Amino acid sequence: MTSPTRGNLFILSAPSGAGKSSLIKALLEKHDDIKVSVSHTTRAPRPGEENGVHYHFVSVDEFKQLIDKGDFFEWAQVFENYYGTSKQAIEDQLAAGIDVFLDIDWQGARQVRELMPEVKTIFILPPSTAELENRLNGRGQDSQEVIAGRMAEAKSESSHYNEFDYILVNDDFEQTRGELEHIVIAARLEQKAQSSRHQALIADLLK
């Protein structure tokens, strides 16, 4: 007989084009007890985006009220838009035994780590600069000027790799997905989690 155990919180960060979104999607398709936090944002929805699914879309005034109430694990202003992660939503999912992934940058990771030091942090690197540029060009969505900006941003993001617990190089997608899954499984098997999950068994064995 097992006892309910608290979920684990993970942060996944990567430069644009490293494959982070695809890795998260593949992980969620296989595990229904893993969720990705839905952030709040003040930017307008893009075509196909749904409120509460992709983001919680709020006004600037609403967002600032949430800041004042201390409702965010982390938040940032990116150009004219705000983005933030709700404390309560995360806490509710963790308490229900669900593992939660935060898709945030290194700055957000620093903020979350201060509030929850036990968070597991993972950084995804592309296999090379050339491959990263190929992936960004392959999207066919951005101008060369935008891509150049994303490449510069990727260099800046990647310089913070040493602030993370795990580094995955996304060269072979299936291998990287498997490595990410192994990190989740290892976290679930840590002594603290297993002691909580198997209290009755351990008590019986130690009688």
Protein backbone atom coordinates (compact mmCIF):
# COMPACT_ATOMS: atom_id res chain seq x y z
CA MET A 1 0.00 0.00 0.00
CA THR A 2 1.37 3.43 -0.93
CA SER A 3 0.78 6.91 0.38
CA PRO A 4 0.21 9.99 -1.80
CA THR A 5 3.42 11.89 -2.42
CA ARG A 6 4.09 15.46 -3.51
CA GLY A 7 4.96 16.15 -7.12
CA ASN A 8 8.32 17.48 -8.28
CA LEU A 9 8.92 20.90 -9.81
CA PHE A 10 11.18 21.11 -12.87
CA ILE A 11 12.46 24.07 -14.83
CA LEU A 12 13.29 23.58 -18.50
CA SER A 13 15.22 26.36 -20.22
CA ALA A 14 16.83 26.62 -23.64
CA PRO A 15 17.69 29.08 -26.38
CA SER A 16 15.09 29.41 -29.12
CA GLY A 17 15.50 26.59 -31.63
CA ALA A 18 17.03 24.06 -29.23
CA GLY A 19 13.87 21.93 -29.31
CA LYS A 20 12.52 22.57 -25.82
CA SER A 21 8.83 22.82 -26.80
CA SER A 22 8.97 19.59 -28.83
CA LEU A 23 10.64 17.74 -25.95
CA ILE A 24 8.00 18.89 -23.47
CA LYS A 25 5.20 17.93 -25.87
CA ALA A 26 6.66 14.44 -26.36
CA LEU A 27 7.01 13.95 -22.60
CA LEU A 28 3.42 15.02 -21.92
CA GLU A 29 2.07 12.68 -24.60
CA LYS A 30 3.58 9.75 -22.72
CA HIS A 31 2.87 10.80 -19.12
CA ASP A 32 -0.52 12.05 -17.92
CA ASP A 33 0.89 12.81 -14.46
CA ILE A 34 3.18 15.54 -15.81
CA LYS A 35 1.90 19.03 -16.58
CA VAL A 36 3.38 22.23 -17.94
CA SER A 37 2.55 25.38 -16.04
CA VAL A 38 0.34 27.79 -17.99
CA SER A 39 1.83 31.26 -17.59
CA HIS A 40 0.03 34.59 -17.36
CA THR A 41 0.82 37.14 -20.06
CA THR A 42 -0.33 40.57 -21.15
CA ARG A 43 0.43 39.99 -24.81
CA ALA A 44 -2.41 39.44 -27.27
CA PRO A 45 -3.29 35.85 -28.22
CA ARG A 46 -1.78 34.62 -31.47
CA PRO A 47 -3.89 32.70 -34.02
CA GLY A 48 -4.83 29.31 -32.60
CA GLU A 49 -3.94 30.15 -29.00
CA GLU A 50 -6.57 29.51 -26.32
CA ASN A 51 -6.94 31.28 -22.99
CA GLY A 52 -6.13 28.91 -20.15
CA VAL A 53 -4.45 26.41 -22.49
CA HIS A 54 -1.46 28.23 -23.97
CA TYR A 55 -1.49 31.22 -21.60
CA HIS A 56 -3.75 33.01 -19.18
CA PHE A 57 -4.26 36.24 -21.11
CA VAL A 58 -4.76 39.25 -18.81
CA SER A 59 -4.56 43.02 -19.03
CA VAL A 60 -1.54 44.98 -17.79
CA ASP A 61 -3.60 46.30 -14.87
CA GLU A 62 -4.67 42.77 -13.90
CA PHE A 63 -1.08 41.55 -14.12
CA LYS A 64 0.22 44.38 -11.92
CA GLN A 65 -2.47 43.61 -9.34
CA LEU A 66 -1.24 39.99 -9.23
CA ILE A 67 2.33 41.26 -8.74
CA ASP A 68 1.22 43.47 -5.85
CA LYS A 69 -0.58 40.51 -4.22
CA GLY A 70 2.58 38.38 -4.48
CA ASP A 71 0.83 35.81 -6.63
CA PHE A 72 3.79 35.00 -8.89
CA PHE A 73 6.64 32.55 -8.42
CA GLU A 74 8.48 34.59 -11.01
CA TRP A 75 7.61 37.29 -13.49
CA ALA A 76 9.39 39.40 -16.08
CA GLN A 77 8.73 42.19 -18.53
CA VAL A 78 9.87 41.32 -22.05
CA PHE A 79 9.73 44.45 -24.17
CA GLU A 80 6.19 45.80 -23.65
CA ASN A 81 4.67 42.52 -22.40
CA TYR A 82 4.61 40.85 -18.99
CA TYR A 83 4.92 37.12 -18.27
CA GLY A 84 4.49 35.34 -14.92
CA THR A 85 4.04 31.98 -13.19
CA SER A 86 1.23 31.60 -10.64
CA LYS A 87 2.26 30.30 -7.19
CA GLN A 88 -1.16 28.88 -6.35
CA ALA A 89 -1.58 26.94 -9.59
CA ILE A 90 1.82 25.32 -9.14
CA GLU A 91 1.22 24.52 -5.47
CA ASP A 92 -2.17 22.91 -6.20
CA GLN A 93 -0.67 20.60 -8.84
CA LEU A 94 2.35 19.62 -6.73
CA ALA A 95 0.09 18.86 -3.75
CA ALA A 96 -1.97 16.57 -6.00
CA GLY A 97 1.16 14.54 -6.79
CA ILE A 98 1.61 15.96 -10.29
CA ASP A 99 5.09 16.75 -11.60
CA VAL A 100 5.14 20.28 -13.04
CA PHE A 101 7.44 21.74 -15.68
CA LEU A 102 8.10 25.46 -15.90
CA ASP A 103 9.13 26.65 -19.36
CA ILE A 104 11.07 29.77 -18.33
CA ASP A 105 14.44 31.44 -18.90
CA TRP A 106 17.47 31.59 -16.61
CA GLN A 107 16.24 34.78 -14.94
CA GLY A 108 12.95 33.15 -14.00
CA ALA A 109 14.85 30.07 -12.86
CA ARG A 110 16.81 32.20 -10.41
CA GLN A 111 13.62 33.64 -8.94
CA VAL A 112 11.97 30.23 -8.53
CA ARG A 113 15.11 28.69 -7.00
CA GLU A 114 15.10 31.35 -4.28
CA LEU A 115 11.52 30.39 -3.32
CA MET A 116 11.88 26.64 -3.84
CA PRO A 117 15.52 25.46 -3.60
CA GLU A 118 14.54 21.83 -4.25
CA VAL A 119 13.46 22.60 -7.83
CA LYS A 120 15.25 20.51 -10.49
CA THR A 121 16.65 22.68 -13.30
CA ILE A 122 17.43 21.46 -16.81
CA PHE A 123 19.07 23.33 -19.69
CA ILE A 124 18.77 22.20 -23.32
CA LEU A 125 21.66 22.97 -25.67
CA PRO A 126 21.62 22.64 -29.47
CA PRO A 127 24.33 20.37 -30.92
CA SER A 128 26.11 23.28 -32.63
CA THR A 129 25.75 26.92 -33.60
CA ALA A 130 25.35 25.91 -37.25
CA GLU A 131 22.55 23.46 -36.45
CA LEU A 132 20.76 26.03 -34.31
CA GLU A 133 20.83 28.51 -37.20
CA ASN A 134 19.57 25.80 -39.58
CA ARG A 135 16.64 25.07 -37.27
CA LEU A 136 15.71 28.74 -36.97
CA ASN A 137 15.91 29.17 -40.76
CA GLY A 138 13.92 25.98 -41.26
CA ARG A 139 10.90 27.44 -39.48
CA GLY A 140 10.46 29.85 -42.38
CA GLN A 141 8.74 32.35 -40.08
CA ASP A 142 11.37 34.99 -39.42
CA SER A 143 13.50 37.43 -41.38
CA GLN A 144 17.29 37.16 -41.37
CA GLU A 145 17.39 40.17 -39.06
CA VAL A 146 15.13 38.41 -36.54
CA ILE A 147 17.16 35.19 -36.82
CA ALA A 148 20.39 37.12 -36.20
CA GLY A 149 18.78 38.57 -33.08
CA ARG A 150 17.71 35.11 -31.92
CA MET A 151 21.24 33.78 -32.46
CA ALA A 152 22.68 36.57 -30.32
CA GLU A 153 20.03 35.89 -27.68
CA ALA A 154 20.88 32.16 -27.80
CA LYS A 155 24.52 32.94 -27.02
CA SER A 156 23.45 35.08 -24.06
CA GLU A 157 21.02 32.41 -22.78
CA SER A 158 23.56 29.61 -23.17
CA SER A 159 26.15 31.49 -21.12
CA HIS A 160 24.04 30.66 -18.04
CA TYR A 161 24.22 26.87 -18.56
CA ASN A 162 26.28 26.44 -15.38
CA GLU A 163 23.38 27.63 -13.20
CA PHE A 164 21.39 24.47 -14.01
CA ASP A 165 21.46 20.99 -12.45
CA TYR A 166 21.29 19.08 -15.74
CA ILE A 167 22.53 19.78 -19.27
CA LEU A 168 21.03 17.94 -22.26
CA VAL A 169 22.40 18.33 -25.78
CA ASN A 170 19.53 17.89 -28.22
CA ASP A 171 21.32 16.24 -31.14
CA ASP A 172 19.25 13.04 -31.36
CA PHE A 173 15.66 13.93 -30.39
CA GLU A 174 14.60 10.49 -29.14
CA GLN A 175 17.75 10.10 -27.07
CA THR A 176 17.25 13.53 -25.52
CA ARG A 177 13.59 12.81 -24.79
CA GLY A 178 14.66 9.62 -23.04
CA GLU A 179 17.27 11.48 -21.00
CA LEU A 180 14.68 14.02 -19.94
CA GLU A 181 12.34 11.21 -18.91
CA HIS A 182 15.14 9.60 -16.87
CA ILE A 183 15.61 12.83 -14.91
CA VAL A 184 11.91 12.80 -14.02
CA ILE A 185 12.03 9.13 -12.99
CA ALA A 186 15.18 9.67 -10.90
CA ALA A 187 13.51 12.55 -9.04
CA ARG A 188 10.55 10.31 -8.24
CA LEU A 189 12.90 7.69 -6.80
CA GLU A 190 14.73 10.02 -4.43
CA GLN A 191 14.73 8.90 -0.80
CA LYS A 192 12.40 11.65 0.43
CA ALA A 193 9.77 10.88 -2.20
CA GLN A 194 10.02 7.11 -1.78
CA SER A 195 9.85 7.35 2.03
CA SER A 196 6.60 9.28 1.72
CA ARG A 197 5.20 7.02 -0.98
CA HIS A 198 5.97 3.76 0.86
CA GLN A 199 5.45 4.70 4.50
CA ALA A 200 3.34 1.63 5.27
CA LEU A 201 5.78 -0.77 3.60
CA ILE A 202 8.80 0.68 5.37
CA ALA A 203 7.01 0.66 8.72
CA ASP A 204 6.10 -2.99 8.22
CA LEU A 205 9.65 -3.95 7.22
CA LEU A 206 11.14 -2.21 10.25
CA LYS A 207 8.76 -3.71 12.83
